[in-house]
Amino acid sequence: SELLSWVDRLIYDSHTWKNFGAQMHLLENAQMEAKTRVILCDLNWARLTPIRVALAQFFDHPASRHHLTRFDRLEIDFASEHRSTALLLAGWIAAQLQWKPSAGELAFQNDAGQAIEVVLKEKNGAPIGRCVLRNELREFCVAHPANTDLLDVSSRRPSQRAMHQLMPAGKNDPVRLLNEEFVRGGAGRIYLRALERVRELL
C-alpha cells in the first residue's frame, strides 16, 4: 500500500492470474489503504472493448431495444487461458442488462425471474472467438475469425439468413491495450459492476 500511495494508475492483466479472487482481493485492499485514489487498469478488460462496442451497436436504434429484456441464452467461445476474459464479458452483459447471478454457478435471471442459460466453450482462435445473444425472436452474433483483425457482426431471425457487417477487432497486443487504457483513463464502474456479477466464478 505504501507503493500505491506514489502512483495513480495500476496496470495489470488478469487473464494470467491463477487465483483471480485472491489476487483481486489484494488489489482492492491495497487500493482502499492507499492515501490517493488508484485507478485500476486491467488489460483483460481492455481486450474486450471491440466486442463490447460491436454488441452495443445492435441496440443503438430504439426499435431493437425490446430484445434486451427477452434474451434467454448467452454463448461465448474463448481461447485457451482466456476463460477469465469470457467471464468478464459475461459479467459485463449481465450488468448492463441487470441480470442477477445465481450463487456458485454460471447462470443468471432477468428482472422477471426468467432463467438465462450461459454456455462457455473453449476453442482455438482469438481470446474471444464468438459471442451470441439469443431470444425466441432473434440471434445477435459477434465473431472474430482466426488470424483476422475484423469482427463479423450479424443478426438473424430463426430460419432466416443472417445480415452481416464487419467491424474492427483490434489486436491482442499489450502496447495497443495499454494505449487504449491511457486514452480511456482506466477501468471504471462498469468494470467493477461486471466483476461483481461473476466474482465467485473467476
C-alpha atoms as a PDB file:
ATOM      1  CA  SER A   1       0.000   0.000   0.000  1.00  0.00           C
ATOM      2  CA  GLU A   2       2.951   2.384   0.593  1.00  0.00           C
ATOM      3  CA  LEU A   3       3.998   1.967  -3.050  1.00  0.00           C
ATOM      4  CA  LEU A   4       0.450   2.669  -4.244  1.00  0.00           C
ATOM      5  CA  SER A   5       0.483   5.991  -2.430  1.00  0.00           C
ATOM      6  CA  TRP A   6       3.020   7.136  -5.054  1.00  0.00           C
ATOM      7  CA  VAL A   7       1.110   6.017  -8.147  1.00  0.00           C
ATOM      8  CA  ASP A   8      -2.245   6.971  -9.657  1.00  0.00           C
ATOM      9  CA  ARG A   9      -2.644   4.086 -12.083  1.00  0.00           C
ATOM     10  CA  LEU A  10      -2.079   0.342 -11.587  1.00  0.00           C
ATOM     11  CA  ILE A  11      -1.821  -1.705 -14.788  1.00  0.00           C
ATOM     12  CA  TYR A  12      -2.252  -5.485 -14.778  1.00  0.00           C
ATOM     13  CA  ASP A  13      -3.550  -8.283 -16.998  1.00  0.00           C
ATOM     14  CA  SER A  14      -5.886 -10.520 -15.037  1.00  0.00           C
ATOM     15  CA  HIS A  15      -6.065 -13.214 -17.709  1.00  0.00           C
ATOM     16  CA  THR A  16      -2.739 -14.603 -16.447  1.00  0.00           C
ATOM     17  CA  TRP A  17      -3.888 -14.877 -12.830  1.00  0.00           C
ATOM     18  CA  LYS A  18      -4.092 -18.374 -11.380  1.00  0.00           C
ATOM     19  CA  ASN A  19      -6.285 -17.324  -8.447  1.00  0.00           C
ATOM     20  CA  PHE A  20      -8.374 -14.394  -9.608  1.00  0.00           C
ATOM     21  CA  GLY A  21     -10.356 -13.963  -6.410  1.00  0.00           C
ATOM     22  CA  ALA A  22      -7.332 -13.834  -4.116  1.00  0.00           C
ATOM     23  CA  GLN A  23      -5.321 -11.530  -6.363  1.00  0.00           C
ATOM     24  CA  MET A  24      -8.236  -9.162  -6.923  1.00  0.00           C
ATOM     25  CA  HIS A  25      -8.827  -9.075  -3.160  1.00  0.00           C
ATOM     26  CA  LEU A  26      -5.206  -7.990  -2.620  1.00  0.00           C
ATOM     27  CA  LEU A  27      -5.578  -5.229  -5.208  1.00  0.00           C
ATOM     28  CA  GLU A  28      -8.804  -3.933  -3.710  1.00  0.00           C
ATOM     29  CA  ASN A  29      -7.380  -3.917  -0.191  1.00  0.00           C
ATOM     30  CA  ALA A  30      -4.275  -2.066  -1.345  1.00  0.00           C
ATOM     31  CA  GLN A  31      -6.443   0.408  -3.238  1.00  0.00           C
ATOM     32  CA  MET A  32      -8.512   1.095  -0.105  1.00  0.00           C
ATOM     33  CA  GLU A  33      -5.422   1.555   2.068  1.00  0.00           C
ATOM     34  CA  ALA A  34      -3.644   3.891  -0.363  1.00  0.00           C
ATOM     35  CA  LYS A  35      -3.813   7.563   0.537  1.00  0.00           C
ATOM     36  CA  THR A  36      -4.568   8.561  -3.063  1.00  0.00           C
ATOM     37  CA  ARG A  37      -7.143   7.126  -5.454  1.00  0.00           C
ATOM     38  CA  VAL A  38      -5.516   4.416  -7.568  1.00  0.00           C
ATOM     39  CA  ILE A  39      -7.091   3.733 -10.956  1.00  0.00           C
ATOM     40  CA  LEU A  40      -7.198   0.027 -11.848  1.00  0.00           C
ATOM     41  CA  CYS A  41      -6.261  -0.750 -15.470  1.00  0.00           C
ATOM     42  CA  ASP A  42      -6.983  -4.365 -16.377  1.00  0.00           C
ATOM     43  CA  LEU A  43      -5.715  -5.215 -19.866  1.00  0.00           C
ATOM     44  CA  ASN A  44      -8.064  -8.199 -19.790  1.00  0.00           C
ATOM     45  CA  TRP A  45     -10.919  -5.684 -19.743  1.00  0.00           C
ATOM     46  CA  ALA A  46      -9.372  -3.546 -22.495  1.00  0.00           C
ATOM     47  CA  ARG A  47      -9.137  -6.705 -24.610  1.00  0.00           C
ATOM     48  CA  LEU A  48     -12.949  -6.805 -24.678  1.00  0.00           C
ATOM     49  CA  THR A  49     -13.536  -3.255 -25.932  1.00  0.00           C
ATOM     50  CA  PRO A  50     -14.101  -4.018 -29.658  1.00  0.00           C
ATOM     51  CA  ILE A  51     -16.517  -6.848 -28.869  1.00  0.00           C
ATOM     52  CA  ARG A  52     -18.417  -4.765 -26.316  1.00  0.00           C
ATOM     53  CA  VAL A  53     -18.746  -1.940 -28.863  1.00  0.00           C
ATOM     54  CA  ALA A  54     -19.959  -4.379 -31.532  1.00  0.00           C
ATOM     55  CA  LEU A  55     -22.578  -5.874 -29.203  1.00  0.00           C
ATOM     56  CA  ALA A  56     -23.790  -2.469 -28.023  1.00  0.00           C
ATOM     57  CA  GLN A  57     -24.300  -1.136 -31.539  1.00  0.00           C
ATOM     58  CA  PHE A  58     -27.015  -3.720 -32.171  1.00  0.00           C
ATOM     59  CA  PHE A  59     -29.222  -1.791 -29.784  1.00  0.00           C
ATOM     60  CA  ASP A  60     -28.420   1.796 -30.751  1.00  0.00           C
ATOM     61  CA  HIS A  61     -31.740   2.024 -32.585  1.00  0.00           C
ATOM     62  CA  PRO A  62     -34.778   2.212 -30.285  1.00  0.00           C
ATOM     63  CA  ALA A  63     -36.617  -0.361 -32.423  1.00  0.00           C
ATOM     64  CA  SER A  64     -34.108  -3.027 -31.331  1.00  0.00           C
ATOM     65  CA  ARG A  65     -34.194  -2.384 -27.600  1.00  0.00           C
ATOM     66  CA  HIS A  66     -37.210  -4.563 -26.852  1.00  0.00           C
ATOM     67  CA  HIS A  67     -34.904  -7.564 -27.391  1.00  0.00           C
ATOM     68  CA  LEU A  68     -32.866  -6.598 -24.333  1.00  0.00           C
ATOM     69  CA  THR A  69     -35.453  -7.918 -21.882  1.00  0.00           C
ATOM     70  CA  ARG A  70     -36.120 -11.151 -23.783  1.00  0.00           C
ATOM     71  CA  PHE A  71     -32.747 -12.885 -24.013  1.00  0.00           C
ATOM     72  CA  ASP A  72     -32.674 -16.423 -22.637  1.00  0.00           C
ATOM     73  CA  ARG A  73     -29.264 -17.691 -23.806  1.00  0.00           C
ATOM     74  CA  LEU A  74     -25.699 -16.393 -23.961  1.00  0.00           C
ATOM     75  CA  GLU A  75     -22.896 -18.298 -25.718  1.00  0.00           C
ATOM     76  CA  ILE A  76     -19.218 -17.341 -25.601  1.00  0.00           C
ATOM     77  CA  ASP A  77     -16.305 -19.129 -27.285  1.00  0.00           C
ATOM     78  CA  PHE A  78     -12.892 -18.369 -25.789  1.00  0.00           C
ATOM     79  CA  ALA A  79      -9.288 -19.373 -26.421  1.00  0.00           C
ATOM     80  CA  SER A  80      -7.198 -21.426 -24.025  1.00  0.00           C
ATOM     81  CA  GLU A  81      -6.173 -19.420 -20.930  1.00  0.00           C
ATOM     82  CA  HIS A  82      -8.850 -16.798 -21.643  1.00  0.00           C
ATOM     83  CA  ARG A  83     -11.699 -18.177 -19.559  1.00  0.00           C
ATOM     84  CA  SER A  84     -11.476 -15.137 -17.282  1.00  0.00           C
ATOM     85  CA  THR A  85     -11.824 -12.907 -20.373  1.00  0.00           C
ATOM     86  CA  ALA A  86     -15.021 -14.759 -21.284  1.00  0.00           C
ATOM     87  CA  LEU A  87     -16.321 -14.446 -17.730  1.00  0.00           C
ATOM     88  CA  LEU A  88     -15.658 -10.698 -17.713  1.00  0.00           C
ATOM     89  CA  LEU A  89     -17.636 -10.417 -20.954  1.00  0.00           C
ATOM     90  CA  ALA A  90     -20.493 -12.414 -19.452  1.00  0.00           C
ATOM     91  CA  GLY A  91     -20.328 -10.202 -16.365  1.00  0.00           C
ATOM     92  CA  TRP A  92     -20.494  -7.033 -18.464  1.00  0.00           C
ATOM     93  CA  ILE A  93     -23.540  -8.290 -20.391  1.00  0.00           C
ATOM     94  CA  ALA A  94     -25.224  -9.339 -17.148  1.00  0.00           C
ATOM     95  CA  ALA A  95     -24.511  -5.983 -15.508  1.00  0.00           C
ATOM     96  CA  GLN A  96     -25.732  -3.965 -18.484  1.00  0.00           C
ATOM     97  CA  LEU A  97     -28.947  -5.997 -18.751  1.00  0.00           C
ATOM     98  CA  GLN A  98     -29.399  -6.085 -14.960  1.00  0.00           C
ATOM     99  CA  TRP A  99     -29.345  -9.871 -14.778  1.00  0.00           C
ATOM    100  CA  LYS A 100     -28.990 -11.313 -11.308  1.00  0.00           C
ATOM    101  CA  PRO A 101     -26.338 -14.015 -10.801  1.00  0.00           C
ATOM    102  CA  SER A 102     -27.124 -17.459  -9.441  1.00  0.00           C
ATOM    103  CA  ALA A 103     -24.860 -18.253  -6.489  1.00  0.00           C
ATOM    104  CA  GLY A 104     -21.961 -20.538  -7.326  1.00  0.00           C
ATOM    105  CA  GLU A 105     -22.877 -21.231 -10.954  1.00  0.00           C
ATOM    106  CA  LEU A 106     -22.667 -19.522 -14.316  1.00  0.00           C
ATOM    107  CA  ALA A 107     -26.323 -18.643 -14.780  1.00  0.00           C
ATOM    108  CA  PHE A 108     -28.468 -15.556 -14.422  1.00  0.00           C
ATOM    109  CA  GLN A 109     -32.052 -14.420 -14.045  1.00  0.00           C
ATOM    110  CA  ASN A 110     -33.665 -11.355 -15.547  1.00  0.00           C
ATOM    111  CA  ASP A 111     -35.917  -8.921 -13.687  1.00  0.00           C
ATOM    112  CA  ALA A 112     -38.933 -11.140 -14.383  1.00  0.00           C
ATOM    113  CA  GLY A 113     -37.231 -14.135 -12.763  1.00  0.00           C
ATOM    114  CA  GLN A 114     -36.681 -15.957 -16.057  1.00  0.00           C
ATOM    115  CA  ALA A 115     -33.505 -18.010 -16.351  1.00  0.00           C
ATOM    116  CA  ILE A 116     -30.751 -17.082 -18.798  1.00  0.00           C
ATOM    117  CA  GLU A 117     -28.599 -20.016 -19.870  1.00  0.00           C
ATOM    118  CA  VAL A 118     -24.882 -19.298 -20.264  1.00  0.00           C
ATOM    119  CA  VAL A 119     -22.619 -21.590 -22.287  1.00  0.00           C
ATOM    120  CA  LEU A 120     -18.835 -21.113 -22.397  1.00  0.00           C
ATOM    121  CA  LYS A 121     -16.793 -23.158 -24.873  1.00  0.00           C
ATOM    122  CA  GLU A 122     -13.018 -23.316 -25.177  1.00  0.00           C
ATOM    123  CA  LYS A 123     -11.930 -23.153 -28.819  1.00  0.00           C
ATOM    124  CA  ASN A 124      -8.741 -22.278 -30.665  1.00  0.00           C
ATOM    125  CA  GLY A 125      -8.562 -18.756 -32.032  1.00  0.00           C
ATOM    126  CA  ALA A 126      -8.937 -15.227 -30.711  1.00  0.00           C
ATOM    127  CA  PRO A 127      -9.258 -14.622 -26.944  1.00  0.00           C
ATOM    128  CA  ILE A 128     -13.000 -14.254 -27.576  1.00  0.00           C
ATOM    129  CA  GLY A 129     -13.856 -16.089 -30.777  1.00  0.00           C
ATOM    130  CA  ARG A 130     -17.622 -15.658 -30.686  1.00  0.00           C
ATOM    131  CA  CYS A 131     -20.372 -14.162 -28.552  1.00  0.00           C
ATOM    132  CA  VAL A 132     -24.049 -14.869 -29.222  1.00  0.00           C
ATOM    133  CA  LEU A 133     -27.149 -13.457 -27.520  1.00  0.00           C
ATOM    134  CA  ARG A 134     -30.402 -15.264 -28.311  1.00  0.00           C
ATOM    135  CA  ASN A 135     -34.114 -14.993 -27.707  1.00  0.00           C
ATOM    136  CA  GLU A 136     -37.114 -16.511 -29.445  1.00  0.00           C
ATOM    137  CA  LEU A 137     -37.221 -13.664 -31.969  1.00  0.00           C
ATOM    138  CA  ARG A 138     -33.608 -13.049 -32.981  1.00  0.00           C
ATOM    139  CA  GLU A 139     -29.962 -14.061 -32.637  1.00  0.00           C
ATOM    140  CA  PHE A 140     -27.210 -11.448 -32.319  1.00  0.00           C
ATOM    141  CA  CYS A 141     -23.664 -12.670 -33.008  1.00  0.00           C
ATOM    142  CA  VAL A 142     -20.200 -11.141 -32.891  1.00  0.00           C
ATOM    143  CA  ALA A 143     -17.495 -13.471 -34.208  1.00  0.00           C
ATOM    144  CA  HIS A 144     -13.740 -12.953 -34.505  1.00  0.00           C
ATOM    145  CA  PRO A 145     -12.422 -15.298 -37.220  1.00  0.00           C
ATOM    146  CA  ALA A 146      -8.909 -16.583 -36.588  1.00  0.00           C
ATOM    147  CA  ASN A 147      -5.982 -14.566 -37.967  1.00  0.00           C
ATOM    148  CA  THR A 148      -8.072 -11.511 -38.891  1.00  0.00           C
ATOM    149  CA  ASP A 149      -8.385  -8.008 -37.480  1.00  0.00           C
ATOM    150  CA  LEU A 150     -12.118  -7.765 -38.229  1.00  0.00           C
ATOM    151  CA  LEU A 151     -15.239  -8.801 -36.362  1.00  0.00           C
ATOM    152  CA  ASP A 152     -18.075 -10.479 -38.258  1.00  0.00           C
ATOM    153  CA  VAL A 153     -21.193  -8.899 -36.761  1.00  0.00           C
ATOM    154  CA  SER A 154     -24.559 -10.421 -37.669  1.00  0.00           C
ATOM    155  CA  SER A 155     -28.175 -10.757 -36.639  1.00  0.00           C
ATOM    156  CA  ARG A 156     -30.941 -13.000 -37.891  1.00  0.00           C
ATOM    157  CA  ARG A 157     -34.392 -14.289 -37.166  1.00  0.00           C
ATOM    158  CA  PRO A 158     -34.885 -18.053 -36.751  1.00  0.00           C
ATOM    159  CA  SER A 159     -34.702 -19.913 -40.078  1.00  0.00           C
ATOM    160  CA  GLN A 160     -33.509 -16.812 -41.937  1.00  0.00           C
ATOM    161  CA  ARG A 161     -30.137 -15.882 -43.359  1.00  0.00           C
ATOM    162  CA  ALA A 162     -28.033 -13.573 -41.225  1.00  0.00           C
ATOM    163  CA  MET A 163     -27.345  -9.946 -42.086  1.00  0.00           C
ATOM    164  CA  HIS A 164     -23.575  -9.365 -41.805  1.00  0.00           C
ATOM    165  CA  GLN A 165     -21.316  -6.378 -41.345  1.00  0.00           C
ATOM    166  CA  LEU A 166     -17.628  -6.009 -40.481  1.00  0.00           C
ATOM    167  CA  MET A 167     -16.177  -4.003 -37.619  1.00  0.00           C
ATOM    168  CA  PRO A 168     -12.611  -3.512 -36.334  1.00  0.00           C
ATOM    169  CA  ALA A 169     -11.478  -6.249 -33.968  1.00  0.00           C
ATOM    170  CA  GLY A 170      -8.308  -4.650 -32.719  1.00  0.00           C
ATOM    171  CA  LYS A 171      -5.252  -6.715 -31.853  1.00  0.00           C
ATOM    172  CA  ASN A 172      -4.397  -8.670 -28.742  1.00  0.00           C
ATOM    173  CA  ASP A 173      -1.228  -6.642 -28.351  1.00  0.00           C
ATOM    174  CA  PRO A 174      -0.008  -5.265 -24.985  1.00  0.00           C
ATOM    175  CA  VAL A 175       1.074  -1.930 -26.482  1.00  0.00           C
ATOM    176  CA  ARG A 176      -2.316  -1.331 -28.115  1.00  0.00           C
ATOM    177  CA  LEU A 177      -4.141  -2.382 -24.963  1.00  0.00           C
ATOM    178  CA  LEU A 178      -2.009  -0.025 -22.854  1.00  0.00           C
ATOM    179  CA  ASN A 179      -2.659   2.871 -25.217  1.00  0.00           C
ATOM    180  CA  GLU A 180      -6.395   2.261 -25.030  1.00  0.00           C
ATOM    181  CA  GLU A 181      -6.316   2.202 -21.246  1.00  0.00           C
ATOM    182  CA  PHE A 182      -4.437   5.512 -21.128  1.00  0.00           C
ATOM    183  CA  VAL A 183      -6.932   7.127 -23.521  1.00  0.00           C
ATOM    184  CA  ARG A 184      -9.945   5.934 -21.535  1.00  0.00           C
ATOM    185  CA  GLY A 185      -8.450   6.620 -18.124  1.00  0.00           C
ATOM    186  CA  GLY A 186      -8.606   3.046 -16.831  1.00  0.00           C
ATOM    187  CA  ALA A 187     -11.286   0.636 -15.723  1.00  0.00           C
ATOM    188  CA  GLY A 188     -14.256   2.298 -14.074  1.00  0.00           C
ATOM    189  CA  ARG A 189     -17.603   1.494 -12.547  1.00  0.00           C
ATOM    190  CA  ILE A 190     -18.744  -0.640 -15.486  1.00  0.00           C
ATOM    191  CA  TYR A 191     -15.714  -2.906 -14.997  1.00  0.00           C
ATOM    192  CA  LEU A 192     -16.435  -3.213 -11.286  1.00  0.00           C
ATOM    193  CA  ARG A 193     -20.109  -4.000 -11.931  1.00  0.00           C
ATOM    194  CA  ALA A 194     -19.086  -6.704 -14.409  1.00  0.00           C
ATOM    195  CA  LEU A 195     -16.718  -8.180 -11.815  1.00  0.00           C
ATOM    196  CA  GLU A 196     -19.451  -8.348  -9.203  1.00  0.00           C
ATOM    197  CA  ARG A 197     -21.677 -10.430 -11.485  1.00  0.00           C
ATOM    198  CA  VAL A 198     -19.068 -13.179 -11.918  1.00  0.00           C
ATOM    199  CA  ARG A 199     -16.695 -12.702  -8.962  1.00  0.00           C
ATOM    200  CA  GLU A 200     -17.451 -16.143  -7.463  1.00  0.00           C
ATOM    201  CA  LEU A 201     -16.593 -17.851 -10.754  1.00  0.00           C
ATOM    202  CA  LEU A 202     -13.328 -16.115 -11.597  1.00  0.00           C
END
